């Protein structure tokens, strides 16, 4: 097993407007991207579980040309609203860093 934090070149999050969050996971080379894709670990179900949203609300896009996966999901608290602790959505990728991927 390898954790996302150890095998991804980039793992970041950002707002996609005040009501949505986008998370990008990018890999260094085609082989790593393909190996991760083949496991099926990165999926709408994973993002739904990690972020407490419905699976059907996760827009999940593998992008082989960029060696990347992108997930867009609704924010539980709109950006800047009372209770929001990350107005830019820049720290929301953290739960993904600990995800194990079979090697």
PDB file of N, CA and C in Angstrom:
ATOM      1  N   UNK A   1       0.844  -1.191   0.000  1.00  0.00           N
ATOM      2  CA  UNK A   1       0.000   0.000   0.000  1.00  0.00           C
ATOM      3  C   UNK A   1       0.883   1.245   0.000  1.00  0.00           C
ATOM      4  N   UNK A   2       0.361   2.262  -0.629  1.00  0.00           N
ATOM      5  CA  UNK A   2       1.026   3.568  -0.630  1.00  0.00           C
ATOM      6  C   UNK A   2      -0.048   4.620  -0.413  1.00  0.00           C
ATOM      7  N   UNK A   3       0.282   5.622   0.355  1.00  0.00           N
ATOM      8  CA  UNK A   3      -0.673   6.707   0.588  1.00  0.00           C
ATOM      9  C   UNK A   3      -0.593   7.729  -0.536  1.00  0.00           C
ATOM     10  N   UNK A   4      -1.727   8.366  -0.786  1.00  0.00           N
ATOM     11  CA  UNK A   4      -1.791   9.413  -1.811  1.00  0.00           C
ATOM     12  C   UNK A   4      -0.696  10.447  -1.565  1.00  0.00           C
ATOM     13  N   UNK A   5      -0.490  10.826  -0.320  1.00  0.00           N
ATOM     14  CA  UNK A   5       0.517  11.861  -0.028  1.00  0.00           C
ATOM     15  C   UNK A   5       1.911  11.459  -0.473  1.00  0.00           C
ATOM     16  N   UNK A   6       2.171  10.149  -0.574  1.00  0.00           N
ATOM     17  CA  UNK A   6       3.492   9.665  -0.947  1.00  0.00           C
ATOM     18  C   UNK A   6       3.658   9.448  -2.449  1.00  0.00           C
ATOM     19  N   UNK A   7       2.563   9.305  -3.180  1.00  0.00           N
ATOM     20  CA  UNK A   7       2.692   8.994  -4.604  1.00  0.00           C
ATOM     21  C   UNK A   7       2.167  10.082  -5.535  1.00  0.00           C
ATOM     22  N   UNK A   8       1.389  11.019  -5.027  1.00  0.00           N
ATOM     23  CA  UNK A   8       0.870  12.100  -5.881  1.00  0.00           C
ATOM     24  C   UNK A   8       1.891  13.226  -5.973  1.00  0.00           C
ATOM     25  N   UNK A   9       2.029  13.773  -7.159  1.00  0.00           N
ATOM     26  CA  UNK A   9       2.883  14.949  -7.345  1.00  0.00           C
ATOM     27  C   UNK A   9       2.189  16.174  -6.772  1.00  0.00           C
ATOM     28  N   UNK A  10       0.870  16.252  -6.990  1.00  0.00           N
ATOM     29  CA  UNK A  10       0.065  17.370  -6.502  1.00  0.00           C
ATOM     30  C   UNK A  10      -1.248  16.818  -5.961  1.00  0.00           C
ATOM     31  N   UNK A  11      -1.647  17.331  -4.823  1.00  0.00           N
ATOM     32  CA  UNK A  11      -2.976  17.059  -4.275  1.00  0.00           C
ATOM     33  C   UNK A  11      -3.423  18.378  -3.671  1.00  0.00           C
ATOM     34  N   UNK A  12      -4.454  18.979  -4.273  1.00  0.00           N
ATOM     35  CA  UNK A  12      -4.856  20.316  -3.824  1.00  0.00           C
ATOM     36  C   UNK A  12      -6.363  20.481  -3.934  1.00  0.00           C
ATOM     37  N   UNK A  13      -6.856  21.446  -3.199  1.00  0.00           N
ATOM     38  CA  UNK A  13      -8.279  21.763  -3.254  1.00  0.00           C
ATOM     39  C   UNK A  13      -8.446  23.268  -3.413  1.00  0.00           C
ATOM     40  N   UNK A  14      -9.608  23.637  -3.941  1.00  0.00           N
ATOM     41  CA  UNK A  14      -9.925  25.058  -4.100  1.00  0.00           C
ATOM     42  C   UNK A  14     -11.422  25.186  -4.324  1.00  0.00           C
ATOM     43  N   UNK A  15     -11.924  26.359  -4.088  1.00  0.00           N
ATOM     44  CA  UNK A  15     -13.340  26.606  -4.356  1.00  0.00           C
ATOM     45  C   UNK A  15     -13.613  26.552  -5.850  1.00  0.00           C
ATOM     46  N   UNK A  16     -14.792  26.075  -6.163  1.00  0.00           N
ATOM     47  CA  UNK A  16     -15.318  26.160  -7.527  1.00  0.00           C
ATOM     48  C   UNK A  16     -16.608  26.962  -7.396  1.00  0.00           C
ATOM     49  N   UNK A  17     -16.452  28.215  -6.975  1.00  0.00           N
ATOM     50  CA  UNK A  17     -17.590  29.042  -6.602  1.00  0.00           C
ATOM     51  C   UNK A  17     -17.834  28.889  -5.108  1.00  0.00           C
ATOM     52  N   UNK A  18     -18.786  29.608  -4.551  1.00  0.00           N
ATOM     53  CA  UNK A  18     -18.996  29.577  -3.100  1.00  0.00           C
ATOM     54  C   UNK A  18     -19.663  28.299  -2.588  1.00  0.00           C
ATOM     55  N   UNK A  19     -20.237  27.510  -3.482  1.00  0.00           N
ATOM     56  CA  UNK A  19     -21.005  26.347  -3.046  1.00  0.00           C
ATOM     57  C   UNK A  19     -20.365  25.011  -3.395  1.00  0.00           C
ATOM     58  N   UNK A  20     -19.286  25.037  -4.159  1.00  0.00           N
ATOM     59  CA  UNK A  20     -18.629  23.799  -4.581  1.00  0.00           C
ATOM     60  C   UNK A  20     -17.140  23.847  -4.298  1.00  0.00           C
ATOM     61  N   UNK A  21     -16.566  22.659  -4.196  1.00  0.00           N
ATOM     62  CA  UNK A  21     -15.150  22.482  -3.930  1.00  0.00           C
ATOM     63  C   UNK A  21     -14.595  21.563  -4.997  1.00  0.00           C
ATOM     64  N   UNK A  22     -13.402  21.861  -5.494  1.00  0.00           N
ATOM     65  CA  UNK A  22     -12.733  20.996  -6.460  1.00  0.00           C
ATOM     66  C   UNK A  22     -11.448  20.478  -5.842  1.00  0.00           C
ATOM     67  N   UNK A  23     -11.227  19.196  -6.015  1.00  0.00           N
ATOM     68  CA  UNK A  23     -10.008  18.554  -5.518  1.00  0.00           C
ATOM     69  C   UNK A  23      -9.305  17.920  -6.708  1.00  0.00           C
ATOM     70  N   UNK A  24      -8.017  18.220  -6.864  1.00  0.00           N
ATOM     71  CA  UNK A  24      -7.197  17.680  -7.951  1.00  0.00           C
ATOM     72  C   UNK A  24      -6.114  16.786  -7.373  1.00  0.00           C
ATOM     73  N   UNK A  25      -5.923  15.639  -7.999  1.00  0.00           N
ATOM     74  CA  UNK A  25      -4.828  14.740  -7.652  1.00  0.00           C
ATOM     75  C   UNK A  25      -4.078  14.460  -8.954  1.00  0.00           C
ATOM     76  N   UNK A  26      -2.796  14.828  -8.980  1.00  0.00           N
ATOM     77  CA  UNK A  26      -1.989  14.726 -10.195  1.00  0.00           C
ATOM     78  C   UNK A  26      -0.781  13.838  -9.895  1.00  0.00           C
ATOM     79  N   UNK A  27      -0.447  12.979 -10.853  1.00  0.00           N
ATOM     80  CA  UNK A  27       0.677  12.059 -10.681  1.00  0.00           C
ATOM     81  C   UNK A  27       1.821  12.414 -11.615  1.00  0.00           C
ATOM     82  N   UNK A  28       3.027  12.029 -11.227  1.00  0.00           N
ATOM     83  CA  UNK A  28       4.264  12.385 -11.933  1.00  0.00           C
ATOM     84  C   UNK A  28       4.365  11.758 -13.318  1.00  0.00           C
ATOM     85  N   UNK A  29       3.900  10.513 -13.446  1.00  0.00           N
ATOM     86  CA  UNK A  29       4.097   9.808 -14.706  1.00  0.00           C
ATOM     87  C   UNK A  29       2.870   8.972 -15.062  1.00  0.00           C
ATOM     88  N   UNK A  30       2.831   8.552 -16.318  1.00  0.00           N
ATOM     89  CA  UNK A  30       1.699   7.761 -16.800  1.00  0.00           C
ATOM     90  C   UNK A  30       1.541   6.456 -16.028  1.00  0.00           C
ATOM     91  N   UNK A  31       2.657   5.807 -15.724  1.00  0.00           N
ATOM     92  CA  UNK A  31       2.594   4.510 -15.050  1.00  0.00           C
ATOM     93  C   UNK A  31       1.909   4.626 -13.692  1.00  0.00           C
ATOM     94  N   UNK A  32       2.243   5.648 -12.929  1.00  0.00           N
ATOM     95  CA  UNK A  32       1.622   5.828 -11.613  1.00  0.00           C
ATOM     96  C   UNK A  32       0.140   6.160 -11.769  1.00  0.00           C
ATOM     97  N   UNK A  33      -0.173   7.057 -12.683  1.00  0.00           N
ATOM     98  CA  UNK A  33      -1.579   7.398 -12.928  1.00  0.00           C
ATOM     99  C   UNK A  33      -2.370   6.142 -13.286  1.00  0.00           C
ATOM    100  N   UNK A  34      -1.860   5.358 -14.217  1.00  0.00           N
ATOM    101  CA  UNK A  34      -2.561   4.155 -14.664  1.00  0.00           C
ATOM    102  C   UNK A  34      -2.699   3.126 -13.548  1.00  0.00           C
ATOM    103  N   UNK A  35      -1.654   2.992 -12.735  1.00  0.00           N
ATOM    104  CA  UNK A  35      -1.709   2.049 -11.611  1.00  0.00           C
ATOM    105  C   UNK A  35      -2.796   2.464 -10.617  1.00  0.00           C
ATOM    106  N   UNK A  36      -2.856   3.743 -10.300  1.00  0.00           N
ATOM    107  CA  UNK A  36      -3.879   4.239  -9.370  1.00  0.00           C
ATOM    108  C   UNK A  36      -5.268   4.097 -10.000  1.00  0.00           C
ATOM    109  N   UNK A  37      -5.400   4.442 -11.268  1.00  0.00           N
ATOM    110  CA  UNK A  37      -6.693   4.324 -11.943  1.00  0.00           C
ATOM    111  C   UNK A  37      -7.189   2.880 -11.925  1.00  0.00           C
ATOM    112  N   UNK A  38      -6.291   1.941 -12.131  1.00  0.00           N
ATOM    113  CA  UNK A  38      -6.669   0.525 -12.183  1.00  0.00           C
ATOM    114  C   UNK A  38      -7.202   0.009 -10.849  1.00  0.00           C
ATOM    115  N   UNK A  39      -6.795   0.625  -9.749  1.00  0.00           N
ATOM    116  CA  UNK A  39      -7.269   0.165  -8.437  1.00  0.00           C
ATOM    117  C   UNK A  39      -8.714   0.560  -8.183  1.00  0.00           C
ATOM    118  N   UNK A  40      -9.161   1.652  -8.799  1.00  0.00           N
ATOM    119  CA  UNK A  40     -10.513   2.138  -8.558  1.00  0.00           C
ATOM    120  C   UNK A  40     -10.690   2.816  -7.205  1.00  0.00           C
ATOM    121  N   UNK A  41      -9.603   3.025  -6.484  1.00  0.00           N
ATOM    122  CA  UNK A  41      -9.695   3.654  -5.158  1.00  0.00           C
ATOM    123  C   UNK A  41     -10.219   5.085  -5.269  1.00  0.00           C
ATOM    124  N   UNK A  42      -9.653   5.858  -6.195  1.00  0.00           N
ATOM    125  CA  UNK A  42     -10.151   7.218  -6.387  1.00  0.00           C
ATOM    126  C   UNK A  42     -11.447   7.119  -7.187  1.00  0.00           C
ATOM    127  N   UNK A  43     -12.542   7.458  -6.536  1.00  0.00           N
ATOM    128  CA  UNK A  43     -13.859   7.269  -7.143  1.00  0.00           C
ATOM    129  C   UNK A  43     -14.860   8.222  -6.488  1.00  0.00           C
ATOM    130  N   UNK A  44     -16.017   8.391  -7.093  1.00  0.00           N
ATOM    131  CA  UNK A  44     -17.054   9.211  -6.452  1.00  0.00           C
ATOM    132  C   UNK A  44     -17.420   8.701  -5.059  1.00  0.00           C
ATOM    133  N   UNK A  45     -17.430   7.391  -4.879  1.00  0.00           N
ATOM    134  CA  UNK A  45     -17.773   6.814  -3.570  1.00  0.00           C
ATOM    135  C   UNK A  45     -16.776   7.243  -2.498  1.00  0.00           C
ATOM    136  N   UNK A  46     -15.491   7.254  -2.840  1.00  0.00           N
ATOM    137  CA  UNK A  46     -14.471   7.672  -1.870  1.00  0.00           C
ATOM    138  C   UNK A  46     -14.679   9.128  -1.465  1.00  0.00           C
ATOM    139  N   UNK A  47     -14.863  10.009  -2.433  1.00  0.00           N
ATOM    140  CA  UNK A  47     -15.038  11.427  -2.118  1.00  0.00           C
ATOM    141  C   UNK A  47     -16.321  11.655  -1.322  1.00  0.00           C
ATOM    142  N   UNK A  48     -17.374  10.937  -1.657  1.00  0.00           N
ATOM    143  CA  UNK A  48     -18.627  11.056  -0.904  1.00  0.00           C
ATOM    144  C   UNK A  48     -18.411  10.659   0.550  1.00  0.00           C
ATOM    145  N   UNK A  49     -17.712   9.561   0.766  1.00  0.00           N
ATOM    146  CA  UNK A  49     -17.465   9.090   2.138  1.00  0.00           C
ATOM    147  C   UNK A  49     -16.574  10.064   2.908  1.00  0.00           C
ATOM    148  N   UNK A  50     -15.493  10.512   2.286  1.00  0.00           N
ATOM    149  CA  UNK A  50     -14.555  11.410   2.982  1.00  0.00           C
ATOM    150  C   UNK A  50     -15.149  12.769   3.304  1.00  0.00           C
ATOM    151  N   UNK A  51     -16.047  13.252   2.447  1.00  0.00           N
ATOM    152  CA  UNK A  51     -16.535  14.619   2.587  1.00  0.00           C
ATOM    153  C   UNK A  51     -17.997  14.714   2.987  1.00  0.00           C
ATOM    154  N   UNK A  52     -18.621  13.580   3.277  1.00  0.00           N
ATOM    155  CA  UNK A  52     -19.981  13.588   3.812  1.00  0.00           C
ATOM    156  C   UNK A  52     -21.036  14.116   2.868  1.00  0.00           C
ATOM    157  N   UNK A  53     -20.879  13.826   1.581  1.00  0.00           N
ATOM    158  CA  UNK A  53     -21.870  14.244   0.590  1.00  0.00           C
ATOM    159  C   UNK A  53     -22.418  13.005  -0.107  1.00  0.00           C
ATOM    160  N   UNK A  54     -23.506  13.172  -0.828  1.00  0.00           N
ATOM    161  CA  UNK A  54     -24.085  12.062  -1.578  1.00  0.00           C
ATOM    162  C   UNK A  54     -23.207  11.742  -2.789  1.00  0.00           C
ATOM    163  N   UNK A  55     -23.047  10.460  -3.050  1.00  0.00           N
ATOM    164  CA  UNK A  55     -22.205  10.042  -4.178  1.00  0.00           C
ATOM    165  C   UNK A  55     -22.670  10.648  -5.500  1.00  0.00           C
ATOM    166  N   UNK A  56     -23.968  10.766  -5.689  1.00  0.00           N
ATOM    167  CA  UNK A  56     -24.464  11.324  -6.952  1.00  0.00           C
ATOM    168  C   UNK A  56     -24.175  12.814  -7.085  1.00  0.00           C
ATOM    169  N   UNK A  57     -23.752  13.464  -5.999  1.00  0.00           N
ATOM    170  CA  UNK A  57     -23.400  14.881  -6.044  1.00  0.00           C
ATOM    171  C   UNK A  57     -21.925  15.124  -6.360  1.00  0.00           C
ATOM    172  N   UNK A  58     -21.167  14.041  -6.524  1.00  0.00           N
ATOM    173  CA  UNK A  58     -19.735  14.156  -6.826  1.00  0.00           C
ATOM    174  C   UNK A  58     -19.536  14.048  -8.332  1.00  0.00           C
ATOM    175  N   UNK A  59     -18.982  15.089  -8.926  1.00  0.00           N
ATOM    176  CA  UNK A  59     -18.603  15.053 -10.334  1.00  0.00           C
ATOM    177  C   UNK A  59     -17.142  14.610 -10.368  1.00  0.00           C
ATOM    178  N   UNK A  60     -16.896  13.408 -10.849  1.00  0.00           N
ATOM    179  CA  UNK A  60     -15.559  12.813 -10.823  1.00  0.00           C
ATOM    180  C   UNK A  60     -15.049  12.663 -12.249  1.00  0.00           C
ATOM    181  N   UNK A  61     -13.856  13.202 -12.506  1.00  0.00           N
ATOM    182  CA  UNK A  61     -13.305  13.181 -13.853  1.00  0.00           C
ATOM    183  C   UNK A  61     -11.866  12.691 -13.857  1.00  0.00           C
ATOM    184  N   UNK A  62     -11.614  11.482 -14.371  1.00  0.00           N
ATOM    185  CA  UNK A  62     -10.230  11.082 -14.638  1.00  0.00           C
ATOM    186  C   UNK A  62      -9.758  11.824 -15.891  1.00  0.00           C
ATOM    187  N   UNK A  63      -8.544  12.304 -15.880  1.00  0.00           N
ATOM    188  CA  UNK A  63      -8.002  13.037 -17.019  1.00  0.00           C
ATOM    189  C   UNK A  63      -6.628  12.461 -17.366  1.00  0.00           C
ATOM    190  N   UNK A  64      -6.595  11.352 -18.130  1.00  0.00           N
ATOM    191  CA  UNK A  64      -5.328  10.677 -18.424  1.00  0.00           C
ATOM    192  C   UNK A  64      -4.270  11.572 -19.069  1.00  0.00           C
ATOM    193  N   UNK A  65      -4.671  12.475 -19.961  1.00  0.00           N
ATOM    194  CA  UNK A  65      -3.690  13.339 -20.626  1.00  0.00           C
ATOM    195  C   UNK A  65      -2.927  14.209 -19.629  1.00  0.00           C
ATOM    196  N   UNK A  66      -3.571  14.544 -18.531  1.00  0.00           N
ATOM    197  CA  UNK A  66      -2.926  15.354 -17.493  1.00  0.00           C
ATOM    198  C   UNK A  66      -2.452  14.533 -16.316  1.00  0.00           C
ATOM    199  N   UNK A  67      -2.598  13.190 -16.412  1.00  0.00           N
ATOM    200  CA  UNK A  67      -2.236  12.277 -15.312  1.00  0.00           C
ATOM    201  C   UNK A  67      -2.937  12.697 -14.026  1.00  0.00           C
ATOM    202  N   UNK A  68      -4.208  13.058 -14.143  1.00  0.00           N
ATOM    203  CA  UNK A  68      -4.910  13.657 -13.017  1.00  0.00           C
ATOM    204  C   UNK A  68      -6.320  13.101 -12.844  1.00  0.00           C
ATOM    205  N   UNK A  69      -6.813  13.283 -11.632  1.00  0.00           N
ATOM    206  CA  UNK A  69      -8.206  13.029 -11.286  1.00  0.00           C
ATOM    207  C   UNK A  69      -8.744  14.313 -10.682  1.00  0.00           C
ATOM    208  N   UNK A  70      -9.982  14.638 -11.003  1.00  0.00           N
ATOM    209  CA  UNK A  70     -10.616  15.838 -10.451  1.00  0.00           C
ATOM    210  C   UNK A  70     -11.967  15.433  -9.895  1.00  0.00           C
ATOM    211  N   UNK A  71     -12.248  15.907  -8.704  1.00  0.00           N
ATOM    212  CA  UNK A  71     -13.564  15.703  -8.102  1.00  0.00           C
ATOM    213  C   UNK A  71     -14.119  17.063  -7.709  1.00  0.00           C
ATOM    214  N   UNK A  72     -15.352  17.318  -8.103  1.00  0.00           N
ATOM    215  CA  UNK A  72     -16.045  18.533  -7.695  1.00  0.00           C
ATOM    216  C   UNK A  72     -17.256  18.106  -6.896  1.00  0.00           C
ATOM    217  N   UNK A  73     -17.397  18.694  -5.720  1.00  0.00           N
ATOM    218  CA  UNK A  73     -18.464  18.307  -4.809  1.00  0.00           C
ATOM    219  C   UNK A  73     -19.003  19.515  -4.080  1.00  0.00           C
ATOM    220  N   UNK A  74     -20.207  19.401  -3.554  1.00  0.00           N
ATOM    221  CA  UNK A  74     -20.776  20.552  -2.839  1.00  0.00           C
ATOM    222  C   UNK A  74     -20.071  20.774  -1.503  1.00  0.00           C
ATOM    223  N   UNK A  75     -19.881  22.033  -1.178  1.00  0.00           N
ATOM    224  CA  UNK A  75     -19.359  22.383   0.152  1.00  0.00           C
ATOM    225  C   UNK A  75     -20.493  22.207   1.156  1.00  0.00           C
ATOM    226  N   UNK A  76     -20.181  21.696   2.339  1.00  0.00           N
ATOM    227  CA  UNK A  76     -21.199  21.539   3.374  1.00  0.00           C
ATOM    228  C   UNK A  76     -21.610  22.891   3.948  1.00  0.00           C
ATOM    229  N   UNK A  77     -20.665  23.827   3.962  1.00  0.00           N
ATOM    230  CA  UNK A  77     -20.929  25.207   4.392  1.00  0.00           C
ATOM    231  C   UNK A  77     -20.427  26.116   3.273  1.00  0.00           C
ATOM    232  N   UNK A  78     -21.255  26.973   2.730  1.00  0.00           N
ATOM    233  CA  UNK A  78     -20.795  27.865   1.658  1.00  0.00           C
ATOM    234  C   UNK A  78     -19.588  28.706   2.092  1.00  0.00           C
ATOM    235  N   UNK A  79     -18.730  29.006   1.143  1.00  0.00           N
ATOM    236  CA  UNK A  79     -17.536  29.807   1.423  1.00  0.00           C
ATOM    237  C   UNK A  79     -17.927  31.136   2.046  1.00  0.00           C
ATOM    238  N   UNK A  80     -17.318  31.460   3.169  1.00  0.00           N
ATOM    239  CA  UNK A  80     -17.549  32.729   3.841  1.00  0.00           C
ATOM    240  C   UNK A  80     -18.763  32.768   4.742  1.00  0.00           C
ATOM    241  N   UNK A  81     -19.552  31.697   4.753  1.00  0.00           N
ATOM    242  CA  UNK A  81     -20.731  31.663   5.607  1.00  0.00           C
ATOM    243  C   UNK A  81     -20.314  31.408   7.061  1.00  0.00           C
ATOM    244  N   UNK A  82     -21.214  31.677   7.994  1.00  0.00           N
ATOM    245  CA  UNK A  82     -20.940  31.420   9.405  1.00  0.00           C
ATOM    246  C   UNK A  82     -20.589  29.942   9.577  1.00  0.00           C
ATOM    247  N   UNK A  83     -19.482  29.688  10.245  1.00  0.00           N
ATOM    248  CA  UNK A  83     -19.032  28.324  10.475  1.00  0.00           C
ATOM    249  C   UNK A  83     -17.988  27.848   9.477  1.00  0.00           C
ATOM    250  N   UNK A  84     -17.777  28.598   8.413  1.00  0.00           N
ATOM    251  CA  UNK A  84     -16.763  28.217   7.421  1.00  0.00           C
ATOM    252  C   UNK A  84     -15.381  28.453   8.000  1.00  0.00           C
ATOM    253  N   UNK A  85     -14.538  27.443   7.936  1.00  0.00           N
ATOM    254  CA  UNK A  85     -13.181  27.558   8.488  1.00  0.00           C
ATOM    255  C   UNK A  85     -12.114  27.641   7.403  1.00  0.00           C
ATOM    256  N   UNK A  86     -12.517  27.606   6.136  1.00  0.00           N
ATOM    257  CA  UNK A  86     -11.560  27.634   5.035  1.00  0.00           C
ATOM    258  C   UNK A  86     -12.217  28.329   3.847  1.00  0.00           C
ATOM    259  N   UNK A  87     -12.242  29.645   3.887  1.00  0.00           N
ATOM    260  CA  UNK A  87     -12.993  30.432   2.911  1.00  0.00           C
ATOM    261  C   UNK A  87     -12.550  30.172   1.465  1.00  0.00           C
ATOM    262  N   UNK A  88     -11.293  29.807   1.253  1.00  0.00           N
ATOM    263  CA  UNK A  88     -10.797  29.551  -0.098  1.00  0.00           C
ATOM    264  C   UNK A  88     -10.893  28.080  -0.499  1.00  0.00           C
ATOM    265  N   UNK A  89     -11.184  27.210   0.452  1.00  0.00           N
ATOM    266  CA  UNK A  89     -11.231  25.778   0.165  1.00  0.00           C
ATOM    267  C   UNK A  89      -9.861  25.170  -0.056  1.00  0.00           C
ATOM    268  N   UNK A  90      -8.817  25.872   0.357  1.00  0.00           N
ATOM    269  CA  UNK A  90      -7.451  25.461   0.048  1.00  0.00           C
ATOM    270  C   UNK A  90      -6.896  24.357   0.943  1.00  0.00           C
ATOM    271  N   UNK A  91      -7.567  24.028   2.022  1.00  0.00           N
ATOM    272  CA  UNK A  91      -7.061  23.001   2.939  1.00  0.00           C
ATOM    273  C   UNK A  91      -7.939  21.754   2.967  1.00  0.00           C
ATOM    274  N   UNK A  92      -8.893  21.682   2.069  1.00  0.00           N
ATOM    275  CA  UNK A  92      -9.878  20.598   2.128  1.00  0.00           C
ATOM    276  C   UNK A  92      -9.389  19.282   1.539  1.00  0.00           C
ATOM    277  N   UNK A  93      -8.227  19.279   0.926  1.00  0.00           N
ATOM    278  CA  UNK A  93      -7.689  18.043   0.362  1.00  0.00           C
ATOM    279  C   UNK A  93      -7.077  17.138   1.430  1.00  0.00           C
ATOM    280  N   UNK A  94      -6.894  17.622   2.640  1.00  0.00           N
ATOM    281  CA  UNK A  94      -6.174  16.893   3.678  1.00  0.00           C
ATOM    282  C   UNK A  94      -6.682  15.465   3.930  1.00  0.00           C
ATOM    283  N   UNK A  95      -7.993  15.201   4.024  1.00  0.00           N
ATOM    284  CA  UNK A  95      -8.419  13.819   4.269  1.00  0.00           C
ATOM    285  C   UNK A  95      -7.975  12.852   3.173  1.00  0.00           C
ATOM    286  N   UNK A  96      -7.818  13.351   1.977  1.00  0.00           N
ATOM    287  CA  UNK A  96      -7.422  12.496   0.859  1.00  0.00           C
ATOM    288  C   UNK A  96      -5.969  12.027   0.974  1.00  0.00           C
ATOM    289  N   UNK A  97      -5.140  12.813   1.640  1.00  0.00           N
ATOM    290  CA  UNK A  97      -3.711  12.492   1.732  1.00  0.00           C
ATOM    291  C   UNK A  97      -3.455  11.150   2.416  1.00  0.00           C
ATOM    292  N   UNK A  98      -4.326  10.738   3.305  1.00  0.00           N
ATOM    293  CA  UNK A  98      -4.127   9.499   4.068  1.00  0.00           C
ATOM    294  C   UNK A  98      -4.725   8.269   3.397  1.00  0.00           C
ATOM    295  N   UNK A  99      -5.350   8.440   2.242  1.00  0.00           N
ATOM    296  CA  UNK A  99      -5.985   7.308   1.550  1.00  0.00           C
ATOM    297  C   UNK A  99      -4.907   6.349   1.047  1.00  0.00           C
ATOM    298  N   UNK A 100      -5.100   5.062   1.326  1.00  0.00           N
ATOM    299  CA  UNK A 100      -4.179   4.032   0.856  1.00  0.00           C
ATOM    300  C   UNK A 100      -4.575   3.539  -0.527  1.00  0.00           C
ATOM    301  N   UNK A 101      -3.571   3.332  -1.357  1.00  0.00           N
ATOM    302  CA  UNK A 101      -3.756   2.796  -2.698  1.00  0.00           C
ATOM    303  C   UNK A 101      -2.946   1.499  -2.782  1.00  0.00           C
ATOM    304  N   UNK A 102      -3.567   0.400  -3.184  1.00  0.00           N
ATOM    305  CA  UNK A 102      -2.803  -0.841  -3.348  1.00  0.00           C
ATOM    306  C   UNK A 102      -1.692  -0.661  -4.383  1.00  0.00           C
ATOM    307  N   UNK A 103      -0.545  -1.223  -4.114  1.00  0.00           N
ATOM    308  CA  UNK A 103       0.588  -1.105  -5.059  1.00  0.00           C
ATOM    309  C   UNK A 103       0.762  -2.360  -5.864  1.00  0.00           C
TER     310      UNK A 103
END
